[in-house]
Amino acid sequence: MSQKISLLTLSLVAAGVIQAGRFVTLAGTVAAAGAAADGIACTDANTGEYLPYDVLGTSTVVAEAAITKGQRLQVGATGGAVPRTAGVLVAIALQAGAVGERIEVLLIQGADAA
C-alpha cells in the first residue's frame, strides 16, 4: 500500500485534463517525457479546474514501467514514472511497483538531465 507525506502541496489551474499521480508543470500541463516536473498531481482535474499538487516530501505516482525500490526516476510518456535513463531526475522510488500501480516516491526538485 502506498502512502505519502507531503511537506508542501500547492495548487495550479489545469490547462488540460490531468490525472492524479502524474508529474505536472507550473503551466498546468502533464510534464513531458524526460523533462523536468514541478510536482505530482494529487487529484484528477479538467481544463480550468484548480489542481492540488505535491511539491516537497513524498507523493504517489503511477508507474509506467516496472520500478524497483531505490531506483532513480524520470517522467514517462504519459506523465507517470519510469526508470531514469537520460532524462531529468524527478524522484526516487521508495517502493517497488509494476506498470499501472501507484508507488510512493521522494520528490527531487531542480535536478539536471543525465
PDB file of N, CA and C in Angstrom:
ATOM      1  N   MET A   1       0.834  -1.188   0.000  1.00  0.00           N
ATOM      2  CA  MET A   1       0.000   0.000   0.000  1.00  0.00           C
ATOM      3  C   MET A   1       0.874   1.244   0.000  1.00  0.00           C
ATOM      4  N   SER A   2       0.529   2.191  -0.847  1.00  0.00           N
ATOM      5  CA  SER A   2       1.289   3.431  -0.939  1.00  0.00           C
ATOM      6  C   SER A   2       0.754   4.451   0.046  1.00  0.00           C
ATOM      7  N   GLN A   3       1.654   5.240   0.557  1.00  0.00           N
ATOM      8  CA  GLN A   3       1.291   6.362   1.406  1.00  0.00           C
ATOM      9  C   GLN A   3       1.987   7.582   0.846  1.00  0.00           C
ATOM     10  N   LYS A   4       1.786   8.732   1.459  1.00  0.00           N
ATOM     11  CA  LYS A   4       2.552   9.905   1.081  1.00  0.00           C
ATOM     12  C   LYS A   4       2.657  10.825   2.273  1.00  0.00           C
ATOM     13  N   ILE A   5       3.774  11.534   2.330  1.00  0.00           N
ATOM     14  CA  ILE A   5       4.000  12.524   3.374  1.00  0.00           C
ATOM     15  C   ILE A   5       4.434  13.803   2.668  1.00  0.00           C
ATOM     16  N   SER A   6       3.464  14.591   2.270  1.00  0.00           N
ATOM     17  CA  SER A   6       3.748  15.824   1.553  1.00  0.00           C
ATOM     18  C   SER A   6       4.130  16.914   2.546  1.00  0.00           C
ATOM     19  N   LEU A   7       5.256  17.572   2.283  1.00  0.00           N
ATOM     20  CA  LEU A   7       5.685  18.689   3.115  1.00  0.00           C
ATOM     21  C   LEU A   7       5.196  20.016   2.555  1.00  0.00           C
ATOM     22  N   LEU A   8       4.850  20.021   1.267  1.00  0.00           N
ATOM     23  CA  LEU A   8       4.317  21.217   0.623  1.00  0.00           C
ATOM     24  C   LEU A   8       3.417  20.812  -0.534  1.00  0.00           C
ATOM     25  N   THR A   9       2.149  21.201  -0.439  1.00  0.00           N
ATOM     26  CA  THR A   9       1.184  20.977  -1.515  1.00  0.00           C
ATOM     27  C   THR A   9       0.677  22.341  -1.959  1.00  0.00           C
ATOM     28  N   LEU A  10       0.773  22.624  -3.242  1.00  0.00           N
ATOM     29  CA  LEU A  10       0.302  23.880  -3.816  1.00  0.00           C
ATOM     30  C   LEU A  10      -0.841  23.588  -4.776  1.00  0.00           C
ATOM     31  N   SER A  11      -1.370  24.631  -5.418  1.00  0.00           N
ATOM     32  CA  SER A  11      -2.411  24.404  -6.423  1.00  0.00           C
ATOM     33  C   SER A  11      -2.102  25.225  -7.665  1.00  0.00           C
ATOM     34  N   LEU A  12      -2.618  24.746  -8.780  1.00  0.00           N
ATOM     35  CA  LEU A  12      -2.487  25.435 -10.058  1.00  0.00           C
ATOM     36  C   LEU A  12      -3.760  25.207 -10.843  1.00  0.00           C
ATOM     37  N   VAL A  13      -3.941  25.957 -11.919  1.00  0.00           N
ATOM     38  CA  VAL A  13      -5.096  25.776 -12.791  1.00  0.00           C
ATOM     39  C   VAL A  13      -4.689  24.840 -13.922  1.00  0.00           C
ATOM     40  N   ALA A  14      -5.437  23.766 -14.098  1.00  0.00           N
ATOM     41  CA  ALA A  14      -5.129  22.775 -15.134  1.00  0.00           C
ATOM     42  C   ALA A  14      -5.373  23.367 -16.517  1.00  0.00           C
ATOM     43  N   ALA A  15      -4.377  23.254 -17.395  1.00  0.00           N
ATOM     44  CA  ALA A  15      -4.506  23.735 -18.771  1.00  0.00           C
ATOM     45  C   ALA A  15      -5.104  22.668 -19.680  1.00  0.00           C
ATOM     46  N   GLY A  16      -5.310  21.493 -19.144  1.00  0.00           N
ATOM     47  CA  GLY A  16      -5.894  20.368 -19.877  1.00  0.00           C
ATOM     48  C   GLY A  16      -6.322  19.324 -18.871  1.00  0.00           C
ATOM     49  N   VAL A  17      -6.787  18.195 -19.335  1.00  0.00           N
ATOM     50  CA  VAL A  17      -7.185  17.109 -18.439  1.00  0.00           C
ATOM     51  C   VAL A  17      -5.926  16.490 -17.834  1.00  0.00           C
ATOM     52  N   ILE A  18      -5.907  16.381 -16.506  1.00  0.00           N
ATOM     53  CA  ILE A  18      -4.770  15.804 -15.791  1.00  0.00           C
ATOM     54  C   ILE A  18      -5.288  14.739 -14.841  1.00  0.00           C
ATOM     55  N   GLN A  19      -4.636  13.590 -14.841  1.00  0.00           N
ATOM     56  CA  GLN A  19      -5.000  12.504 -13.934  1.00  0.00           C
ATOM     57  C   GLN A  19      -4.115  12.539 -12.697  1.00  0.00           C
ATOM     58  N   ALA A  20      -4.678  12.131 -11.575  1.00  0.00           N
ATOM     59  CA  ALA A  20      -3.913  12.028 -10.333  1.00  0.00           C
ATOM     60  C   ALA A  20      -2.738  11.083 -10.525  1.00  0.00           C
ATOM     61  N   GLY A  21      -1.639  11.378  -9.832  1.00  0.00           N
ATOM     62  CA  GLY A  21      -0.474  10.508  -9.904  1.00  0.00           C
ATOM     63  C   GLY A  21       0.403  10.741 -11.114  1.00  0.00           C
ATOM     64  N   ARG A  22       0.256  11.887 -11.762  1.00  0.00           N
ATOM     65  CA  ARG A  22       1.077  12.238 -12.930  1.00  0.00           C
ATOM     66  C   ARG A  22       1.939  13.456 -12.580  1.00  0.00           C
ATOM     67  N   PHE A  23       3.152  13.494 -13.121  1.00  0.00           N
ATOM     68  CA  PHE A  23       4.016  14.655 -12.935  1.00  0.00           C
ATOM     69  C   PHE A  23       3.433  15.836 -13.707  1.00  0.00           C
ATOM     70  N   VAL A  24       3.472  17.031 -13.094  1.00  0.00           N
ATOM     71  CA  VAL A  24       2.897  18.228 -13.705  1.00  0.00           C
ATOM     72  C   VAL A  24       3.906  19.371 -13.714  1.00  0.00           C
ATOM     73  N   THR A  25       3.587  20.392 -14.528  1.00  0.00           N
ATOM     74  CA  THR A  25       4.401  21.606 -14.611  1.00  0.00           C
ATOM     75  C   THR A  25       3.600  22.794 -14.088  1.00  0.00           C
ATOM     76  N   LEU A  26       4.292  23.896 -13.847  1.00  0.00           N
ATOM     77  CA  LEU A  26       3.613  25.109 -13.387  1.00  0.00           C
ATOM     78  C   LEU A  26       2.666  25.672 -14.438  1.00  0.00           C
ATOM     79  N   ALA A  27       2.835  25.265 -15.686  1.00  0.00           N
ATOM     80  CA  ALA A  27       1.948  25.709 -16.763  1.00  0.00           C
ATOM     81  C   ALA A  27       0.596  25.003 -16.709  1.00  0.00           C
ATOM     82  N   GLY A  28       0.449  24.052 -15.772  1.00  0.00           N
ATOM     83  CA  GLY A  28      -0.825  23.340 -15.651  1.00  0.00           C
ATOM     84  C   GLY A  28      -0.963  22.197 -16.628  1.00  0.00           C
ATOM     85  N   THR A  29       0.158  21.673 -17.088  1.00  0.00           N
ATOM     86  CA  THR A  29       0.153  20.564 -18.036  1.00  0.00           C
ATOM     87  C   THR A  29       0.854  19.348 -17.439  1.00  0.00           C
ATOM     88  N   VAL A  30       0.623  18.188 -18.045  1.00  0.00           N
ATOM     89  CA  VAL A  30       1.370  16.989 -17.678  1.00  0.00           C
ATOM     90  C   VAL A  30       2.794  17.188 -18.188  1.00  0.00           C
ATOM     91  N   ALA A  31       3.784  16.867 -17.360  1.00  0.00           N
ATOM     92  CA  ALA A  31       5.186  17.029 -17.757  1.00  0.00           C
ATOM     93  C   ALA A  31       5.515  16.122 -18.944  1.00  0.00           C
ATOM     94  N   ALA A  32       6.389  16.589 -19.807  1.00  0.00           N
ATOM     95  CA  ALA A  32       6.811  15.825 -20.986  1.00  0.00           C
ATOM     96  C   ALA A  32       7.807  14.738 -20.594  1.00  0.00           C
ATOM     97  N   ALA A  33       7.841  13.686 -21.377  1.00  0.00           N
ATOM     98  CA  ALA A  33       8.752  12.569 -21.121  1.00  0.00           C
ATOM     99  C   ALA A  33      10.194  13.052 -21.020  1.00  0.00           C
ATOM    100  N   GLY A  34      10.864  12.678 -19.929  1.00  0.00           N
ATOM    101  CA  GLY A  34      12.262  13.019 -19.723  1.00  0.00           C
ATOM    102  C   GLY A  34      12.522  14.437 -19.261  1.00  0.00           C
ATOM    103  N   ALA A  35      11.477  15.265 -19.199  1.00  0.00           N
ATOM    104  CA  ALA A  35      11.630  16.679 -18.844  1.00  0.00           C
ATOM    105  C   ALA A  35      11.498  16.893 -17.337  1.00  0.00           C
ATOM    106  N   ALA A  36      11.792  18.110 -16.918  1.00  0.00           N
ATOM    107  CA  ALA A  36      11.625  18.484 -15.516  1.00  0.00           C
ATOM    108  C   ALA A  36      10.142  18.525 -15.163  1.00  0.00           C
ATOM    109  N   ALA A  37       9.853  18.342 -13.883  1.00  0.00           N
ATOM    110  CA  ALA A  37       8.476  18.418 -13.380  1.00  0.00           C
ATOM    111  C   ALA A  37       8.482  19.272 -12.121  1.00  0.00           C
ATOM    112  N   ASP A  38       7.358  19.916 -11.847  1.00  0.00           N
ATOM    113  CA  ASP A  38       7.250  20.758 -10.663  1.00  0.00           C
ATOM    114  C   ASP A  38       6.538  20.072  -9.508  1.00  0.00           C
ATOM    115  N   GLY A  39       5.965  18.906  -9.751  1.00  0.00           N
ATOM    116  CA  GLY A  39       5.290  18.163  -8.695  1.00  0.00           C
ATOM    117  C   GLY A  39       4.454  17.039  -9.265  1.00  0.00           C
ATOM    118  N   ILE A  40       3.638  16.437  -8.392  1.00  0.00           N
ATOM    119  CA  ILE A  40       2.762  15.324  -8.778  1.00  0.00           C
ATOM    120  C   ILE A  40       1.320  15.685  -8.447  1.00  0.00           C
ATOM    121  N   ALA A  41       0.429  15.517  -9.425  1.00  0.00           N
ATOM    122  CA  ALA A  41      -0.995  15.813  -9.238  1.00  0.00           C
ATOM    123  C   ALA A  41      -1.591  14.930  -8.145  1.00  0.00           C
ATOM    124  N   CYS A  42      -2.318  15.551  -7.214  1.00  0.00           N
ATOM    125  CA  CYS A  42      -2.951  14.817  -6.108  1.00  0.00           C
ATOM    126  C   CYS A  42      -4.316  14.258  -6.491  1.00  0.00           C
ATOM    127  N   THR A  43      -5.000  14.935  -7.407  1.00  0.00           N
ATOM    128  CA  THR A  43      -6.345  14.531  -7.820  1.00  0.00           C
ATOM    129  C   THR A  43      -6.471  14.674  -9.334  1.00  0.00           C
ATOM    130  N   ASP A  44      -7.559  14.170  -9.883  1.00  0.00           N
ATOM    131  CA  ASP A  44      -7.876  14.397 -11.292  1.00  0.00           C
ATOM    132  C   ASP A  44      -8.378  15.832 -11.452  1.00  0.00           C
ATOM    133  N   ALA A  45      -8.156  16.430 -12.616  1.00  0.00           N
ATOM    134  CA  ALA A  45      -8.679  17.769 -12.889  1.00  0.00           C
ATOM    135  C   ALA A  45      -8.984  17.907 -14.371  1.00  0.00           C
ATOM    136  N   ASN A  46     -10.036  18.660 -14.664  1.00  0.00           N
ATOM    137  CA  ASN A  46     -10.381  19.014 -16.038  1.00  0.00           C
ATOM    138  C   ASN A  46      -9.836  20.401 -16.338  1.00  0.00           C
ATOM    139  N   THR A  47      -9.817  20.780 -17.592  1.00  0.00           N
ATOM    140  CA  THR A  47      -9.330  22.089 -18.010  1.00  0.00           C
ATOM    141  C   THR A  47     -10.015  23.200 -17.215  1.00  0.00           C
ATOM    142  N   GLY A  48      -9.213  24.115 -16.661  1.00  0.00           N
ATOM    143  CA  GLY A  48      -9.738  25.255 -15.919  1.00  0.00           C
ATOM    144  C   GLY A  48      -9.982  25.008 -14.444  1.00  0.00           C
ATOM    145  N   GLU A  49      -9.884  23.775 -13.993  1.00  0.00           N
ATOM    146  CA  GLU A  49     -10.093  23.460 -12.577  1.00  0.00           C
ATOM    147  C   GLU A  49      -8.795  23.617 -11.790  1.00  0.00           C
ATOM    148  N   TYR A  50      -8.947  23.962 -10.504  1.00  0.00           N
ATOM    149  CA  TYR A  50      -7.785  24.007  -9.627  1.00  0.00           C
ATOM    150  C   TYR A  50      -7.341  22.592  -9.319  1.00  0.00           C
ATOM    151  N   LEU A  51      -6.032  22.401  -9.301  1.00  0.00           N
ATOM    152  CA  LEU A  51      -5.436  21.089  -9.098  1.00  0.00           C
ATOM    153  C   LEU A  51      -4.398  21.169  -7.982  1.00  0.00           C
ATOM    154  N   PRO A  52      -4.595  20.439  -6.876  1.00  0.00           N
ATOM    155  CA  PRO A  52      -3.536  20.383  -5.867  1.00  0.00           C
ATOM    156  C   PRO A  52      -2.421  19.459  -6.353  1.00  0.00           C
ATOM    157  N   TYR A  53      -1.174  19.867  -6.099  1.00  0.00           N
ATOM    158  CA  TYR A  53      -0.043  19.021  -6.486  1.00  0.00           C
ATOM    159  C   TYR A  53       1.027  19.075  -5.398  1.00  0.00           C
ATOM    160  N   ASP A  54       1.650  17.919  -5.150  1.00  0.00           N
ATOM    161  CA  ASP A  54       2.705  17.810  -4.147  1.00  0.00           C
ATOM    162  C   ASP A  54       4.013  18.297  -4.740  1.00  0.00           C
ATOM    163  N   VAL A  55       4.729  19.132  -3.965  1.00  0.00           N
ATOM    164  CA  VAL A  55       5.974  19.734  -4.421  1.00  0.00           C
ATOM    165  C   VAL A  55       7.185  19.189  -3.659  1.00  0.00           C
ATOM    166  N   LEU A  56       7.048  19.055  -2.351  1.00  0.00           N
ATOM    167  CA  LEU A  56       8.141  18.580  -1.494  1.00  0.00           C
ATOM    168  C   LEU A  56       7.676  17.417  -0.638  1.00  0.00           C
ATOM    169  N   GLY A  57       8.607  16.528  -0.328  1.00  0.00           N
ATOM    170  CA  GLY A  57       8.290  15.373   0.507  1.00  0.00           C
ATOM    171  C   GLY A  57       8.070  14.147  -0.346  1.00  0.00           C
ATOM    172  N   THR A  58       7.137  13.300   0.092  1.00  0.00           N
ATOM    173  CA  THR A  58       6.822  12.119  -0.702  1.00  0.00           C
ATOM    174  C   THR A  58       5.423  12.243  -1.280  1.00  0.00           C
ATOM    175  N   SER A  59       5.205  11.538  -2.372  1.00  0.00           N
ATOM    176  CA  SER A  59       3.903  11.522  -3.034  1.00  0.00           C
ATOM    177  C   SER A  59       3.750  10.172  -3.710  1.00  0.00           C
ATOM    178  N   THR A  60       2.599   9.965  -4.343  1.00  0.00           N
ATOM    179  CA  THR A  60       2.396   8.718  -5.082  1.00  0.00           C
ATOM    180  C   THR A  60       2.245   9.032  -6.564  1.00  0.00           C
ATOM    181  N   VAL A  61       2.889   8.210  -7.384  1.00  0.00           N
ATOM    182  CA  VAL A  61       2.910   8.407  -8.830  1.00  0.00           C
ATOM    183  C   VAL A  61       2.589   7.084  -9.511  1.00  0.00           C
ATOM    184  N   VAL A  62       2.027   7.160 -10.696  1.00  0.00           N
ATOM    185  CA  VAL A  62       1.723   5.963 -11.484  1.00  0.00           C
ATOM    186  C   VAL A  62       3.003   5.467 -12.151  1.00  0.00           C
ATOM    187  N   ALA A  63       3.295   4.184 -11.978  1.00  0.00           N
ATOM    188  CA  ALA A  63       4.455   3.568 -12.634  1.00  0.00           C
ATOM    189  C   ALA A  63       4.101   3.238 -14.081  1.00  0.00           C
ATOM    190  N   GLU A  64       4.937   3.669 -15.019  1.00  0.00           N
ATOM    191  CA  GLU A  64       4.738   3.351 -16.440  1.00  0.00           C
ATOM    192  C   GLU A  64       5.620   2.188 -16.883  1.00  0.00           C
ATOM    193  N   ALA A  65       6.415   1.674 -15.963  1.00  0.00           N
ATOM    194  CA  ALA A  65       7.300   0.532 -16.215  1.00  0.00           C
ATOM    195  C   ALA A  65       7.536  -0.140 -14.871  1.00  0.00           C
ATOM    196  N   ALA A  66       8.122  -1.316 -14.876  1.00  0.00           N
ATOM    197  CA  ALA A  66       8.492  -1.970 -13.620  1.00  0.00           C
ATOM    198  C   ALA A  66       9.554  -1.115 -12.930  1.00  0.00           C
ATOM    199  N   ILE A  67       9.345  -0.856 -11.645  1.00  0.00           N
ATOM    200  CA  ILE A  67      10.241   0.007 -10.878  1.00  0.00           C
ATOM    201  C   ILE A  67      10.657  -0.727  -9.616  1.00  0.00           C
ATOM    202  N   THR A  68      11.935  -0.611  -9.264  1.00  0.00           N
ATOM    203  CA  THR A  68      12.438  -1.222  -8.039  1.00  0.00           C
ATOM    204  C   THR A  68      12.692  -0.146  -6.995  1.00  0.00           C
ATOM    205  N   LYS A  69      12.608  -0.533  -5.737  1.00  0.00           N
ATOM    206  CA  LYS A  69      12.850   0.389  -4.630  1.00  0.00           C
ATOM    207  C   LYS A  69      14.254   0.969  -4.753  1.00  0.00           C
ATOM    208  N   GLY A  70      14.372   2.282  -4.582  1.00  0.00           N
ATOM    209  CA  GLY A  70      15.651   2.966  -4.651  1.00  0.00           C
ATOM    210  C   GLY A  70      16.043   3.450  -6.030  1.00  0.00           C
ATOM    211  N   GLN A  71      15.275   3.082  -7.040  1.00  0.00           N
ATOM    212  CA  GLN A  71      15.603   3.469  -8.414  1.00  0.00           C
ATOM    213  C   GLN A  71      15.375   4.959  -8.630  1.00  0.00           C
ATOM    214  N   ARG A  72      16.260   5.595  -9.400  1.00  0.00           N
ATOM    215  CA  ARG A  72      16.096   6.993  -9.799  1.00  0.00           C
ATOM    216  C   ARG A  72      15.078   7.019 -10.934  1.00  0.00           C
ATOM    217  N   LEU A  73      14.203   8.041 -10.924  1.00  0.00           N
ATOM    218  CA  LEU A  73      13.087   8.078 -11.874  1.00  0.00           C
ATOM    219  C   LEU A  73      13.074   9.356 -12.706  1.00  0.00           C
ATOM    220  N   GLN A  74      12.483   9.226 -13.900  1.00  0.00           N
ATOM    221  CA  GLN A  74      12.214  10.362 -14.772  1.00  0.00           C
ATOM    222  C   GLN A  74      10.760  10.277 -15.209  1.00  0.00           C
ATOM    223  N   VAL A  75      10.286  11.343 -15.849  1.00  0.00           N
ATOM    224  CA  VAL A  75       8.911  11.370 -16.349  1.00  0.00           C
ATOM    225  C   VAL A  75       8.797  10.452 -17.562  1.00  0.00           C
ATOM    226  N   GLY A  76       7.720   9.649 -17.604  1.00  0.00           N
ATOM    227  CA  GLY A  76       7.449   8.757 -18.727  1.00  0.00           C
ATOM    228  C   GLY A  76       6.556   9.414 -19.766  1.00  0.00           C
ATOM    229  N   ALA A  77       6.172   8.654 -20.769  1.00  0.00           N
ATOM    230  CA  ALA A  77       5.411   9.155 -21.920  1.00  0.00           C
ATOM    231  C   ALA A  77       4.054   9.747 -21.562  1.00  0.00           C
ATOM    232  N   THR A  78       3.405   9.252 -20.505  1.00  0.00           N
ATOM    233  CA  THR A  78       2.083   9.774 -20.129  1.00  0.00           C
ATOM    234  C   THR A  78       2.105  10.515 -18.796  1.00  0.00           C
ATOM    235  N   GLY A  79       3.298  10.955 -18.359  1.00  0.00           N
ATOM    236  CA  GLY A  79       3.404  11.736 -17.135  1.00  0.00           C
ATOM    237  C   GLY A  79       3.617  10.927 -15.879  1.00  0.00           C
ATOM    238  N   GLY A  80       3.678   9.614 -16.004  1.00  0.00           N
ATOM    239  CA  GLY A  80       3.976   8.763 -14.856  1.00  0.00           C
ATOM    240  C   GLY A  80       5.483   8.635 -14.679  1.00  0.00           C
ATOM    241  N   ALA A  81       5.905   7.637 -13.907  1.00  0.00           N
ATOM    242  CA  ALA A  81       7.322   7.436 -13.613  1.00  0.00           C
ATOM    243  C   ALA A  81       7.894   6.241 -14.357  1.00  0.00           C
ATOM    244  N   VAL A  82       9.128   6.408 -14.827  1.00  0.00           N
ATOM    245  CA  VAL A  82       9.895   5.319 -15.438  1.00  0.00           C
ATOM    246  C   VAL A  82      11.319   5.403 -14.899  1.00  0.00           C
ATOM    247  N   PRO A  83      12.068   4.289 -14.940  1.00  0.00           N
ATOM    248  CA  PRO A  83      13.466   4.340 -14.514  1.00  0.00           C
ATOM    249  C   PRO A  83      14.238   5.379 -15.338  1.00  0.00           C
ATOM    250  N   ARG A  84      15.119   6.111 -14.672  1.00  0.00           N
ATOM    251  CA  ARG A  84      15.862   7.182 -15.342  1.00  0.00           C
ATOM    252  C   ARG A  84      16.895   6.621 -16.306  1.00  0.00           C
ATOM    253  N   THR A  85      16.915   7.200 -17.495  1.00  0.00           N
ATOM    254  CA  THR A  85      17.945   6.871 -18.485  1.00  0.00           C
ATOM    255  C   THR A  85      18.719   8.160 -18.773  1.00  0.00           C
ATOM    256  N   ALA A  86      18.198   9.000 -19.654  1.00  0.00           N
ATOM    257  CA  ALA A  86      18.876  10.253 -19.987  1.00  0.00           C
ATOM    258  C   ALA A  86      18.051  11.473 -19.608  1.00  0.00           C
ATOM    259  N   GLY A  87      16.910  11.262 -18.969  1.00  0.00           N
ATOM    260  CA  GLY A  87      16.030  12.371 -18.621  1.00  0.00           C
ATOM    261  C   GLY A  87      16.410  13.039 -17.313  1.00  0.00           C
ATOM    262  N   VAL A  88      15.641  14.047 -16.949  1.00  0.00           N
ATOM    263  CA  VAL A  88      15.837  14.786 -15.707  1.00  0.00           C
ATOM    264  C   VAL A  88      15.392  13.921 -14.530  1.00  0.00           C
ATOM    265  N   LEU A  89      16.215  13.865 -13.487  1.00  0.00           N
ATOM    266  CA  LEU A  89      15.868  13.151 -12.258  1.00  0.00           C
ATOM    267  C   LEU A  89      14.746  13.908 -11.556  1.00  0.00           C
ATOM    268  N   VAL A  90      13.584  13.262 -11.362  1.00  0.00           N
ATOM    269  CA  VAL A  90      12.452  13.934 -10.717  1.00  0.00           C
ATOM    270  C   VAL A  90      12.040  13.285  -9.400  1.00  0.00           C
ATOM    271  N   ALA A  91      12.485  12.032  -9.159  1.00  0.00           N
ATOM    272  CA  ALA A  91      12.082  11.340  -7.934  1.00  0.00           C
ATOM    273  C   ALA A  91      12.937  10.095  -7.723  1.00  0.00           C
ATOM    274  N   ILE A  92      12.859   9.570  -6.491  1.00  0.00           N
ATOM    275  CA  ILE A  92      13.487   8.301  -6.135  1.00  0.00           C
ATOM    276  C   ILE A  92      12.385   7.388  -5.615  1.00  0.00           C
ATOM    277  N   ALA A  93      12.340   6.165  -6.122  1.00  0.00           N
ATOM    278  CA  ALA A  93      11.302   5.205  -5.716  1.00  0.00           C
ATOM    279  C   ALA A  93      11.527   4.747  -4.277  1.00  0.00           C
ATOM    280  N   LEU A  94      10.504   4.851  -3.451  1.00  0.00           N
ATOM    281  CA  LEU A  94      10.567   4.375  -2.072  1.00  0.00           C
ATOM    282  C   LEU A  94       9.950   2.996  -1.933  1.00  0.00           C
ATOM    283  N   GLN A  95       9.388   2.494  -3.024  1.00  0.00           N
ATOM    284  CA  GLN A  95       8.852   1.137  -3.059  1.00  0.00           C
ATOM    285  C   GLN A  95       8.854   0.650  -4.504  1.00  0.00           C
ATOM    286  N   ALA A  96       8.804  -0.650  -4.662  1.00  0.00           N
ATOM    287  CA  ALA A  96       8.752  -1.248  -5.994  1.00  0.00           C
ATOM    288  C   ALA A  96       7.319  -1.218  -6.514  1.00  0.00           C
ATOM    289  N   GLY A  97       7.170  -1.288  -7.832  1.00  0.00           N
ATOM    290  CA  GLY A  97       5.835  -1.324  -8.414  1.00  0.00           C
ATOM    291  C   GLY A  97       5.856  -1.825  -9.841  1.00  0.00           C
ATOM    292  N   ALA A  98       4.720  -2.344 -10.266  1.00  0.00           N
ATOM    293  CA  ALA A  98       4.537  -2.823 -11.637  1.00  0.00           C
ATOM    294  C   ALA A  98       3.818  -1.747 -12.447  1.00  0.00           C
ATOM    295  N   VAL A  99       3.766  -1.930 -13.742  1.00  0.00           N
ATOM    296  CA  VAL A  99       3.093  -0.985 -14.636  1.00  0.00           C
ATOM    297  C   VAL A  99       1.658  -0.746 -14.161  1.00  0.00           C
ATOM    298  N   GLY A 100       1.277   0.524 -14.049  1.00  0.00           N
ATOM    299  CA  GLY A 100      -0.078   0.895 -13.661  1.00  0.00           C
ATOM    300  C   GLY A 100      -0.303   1.042 -12.169  1.00  0.00           C
ATOM    301  N   GLU A 101       0.637   0.595 -11.343  1.00  0.00           N
ATOM    302  CA  GLU A 101       0.489   0.728  -9.892  1.00  0.00           C
ATOM    303  C   GLU A 101       0.919   2.118  -9.439  1.00  0.00           C
ATOM    304  N   ARG A 102       0.329   2.573  -8.327  1.00  0.00           N
ATOM    305  CA  ARG A 102       0.764   3.822  -7.700  1.00  0.00           C
ATOM    306  C   ARG A 102       1.825   3.467  -6.674  1.00  0.00           C
ATOM    307  N   ILE A 103       2.973   4.138  -6.740  1.00  0.00           N
ATOM    308  CA  ILE A 103       4.056   3.894  -5.797  1.00  0.00           C
ATOM    309  C   ILE A 103       4.452   5.187  -5.095  1.00  0.00           C
ATOM    310  N   GLU A 104       4.992   5.043  -3.892  1.00  0.00           N
ATOM    311  CA  GLU A 104       5.469   6.209  -3.156  1.00  0.00           C
ATOM    312  C   GLU A 104       6.864   6.575  -3.647  1.00  0.00           C
ATOM    313  N   VAL A 105       7.078   7.883  -3.853  1.00  0.00           N
ATOM    314  CA  VAL A 105       8.370   8.386  -4.313  1.00  0.00           C
ATOM    315  C   VAL A 105       8.775   9.604  -3.488  1.00  0.00           C
ATOM    316  N   LEU A 106      10.078   9.837  -3.417  1.00  0.00           N
ATOM    317  CA  LEU A 106      10.621  11.052  -2.825  1.00  0.00           C
ATOM    318  C   LEU A 106      10.844  12.036  -3.962  1.00  0.00           C
ATOM    319  N   LEU A 107      10.179  13.179  -3.895  1.00  0.00           N
ATOM    320  CA  LEU A 107      10.298  14.180  -4.958  1.00  0.00           C
ATOM    321  C   LEU A 107      11.666  14.852  -4.934  1.00  0.00           C
ATOM    322  N   ILE A 108      12.253  15.054  -6.108  1.00  0.00           N
ATOM    323  CA  ILE A 108      13.541  15.726  -6.266  1.00  0.00           C
ATOM    324  C   ILE A 108      13.311  16.966  -7.128  1.00  0.00           C
ATOM    325  N   GLN A 109      13.651  18.131  -6.595  1.00  0.00           N
ATOM    326  CA  GLN A 109      13.470  19.379  -7.339  1.00  0.00           C
ATOM    327  C   GLN A 109      14.810  19.912  -7.828  1.00  0.00           C
ATOM    328  N   GLY A 110      14.832  20.481  -9.014  1.00  0.00           N
ATOM    329  CA  GLY A 110      15.997  21.190  -9.517  1.00  0.00           C
ATOM    330  C   GLY A 110      17.127  20.346 -10.059  1.00  0.00           C
ATOM    331  N   ALA A 111      16.895  19.078 -10.367  1.00  0.00           N
ATOM    332  CA  ALA A 111      17.953  18.222 -10.918  1.00  0.00           C
ATOM    333  C   ALA A 111      18.095  18.454 -12.422  1.00  0.00           C
ATOM    334  N   ASP A 112      19.231  18.051 -12.952  1.00  0.00           N
ATOM    335  CA  ASP A 112      19.503  18.177 -14.386  1.00  0.00           C
ATOM    336  C   ASP A 112      19.395  16.832 -15.079  1.00  0.00           C
ATOM    337  N   ALA A 113      19.380  16.858 -16.403  1.00  0.00           N
ATOM    338  CA  ALA A 113      19.365  15.620 -17.191  1.00  0.00           C
ATOM    339  C   ALA A 113      20.690  14.890 -17.016  1.00  0.00           C
ATOM    340  N   ALA A 114      20.657  13.586 -17.243  1.00  0.00           N
ATOM    341  CA  ALA A 114      21.871  12.756 -17.089  1.00  0.00           C
ATOM    342  C   ALA A 114      22.905  13.116 -18.125  1.00  0.00           C
TER     343      ALA A 114
END
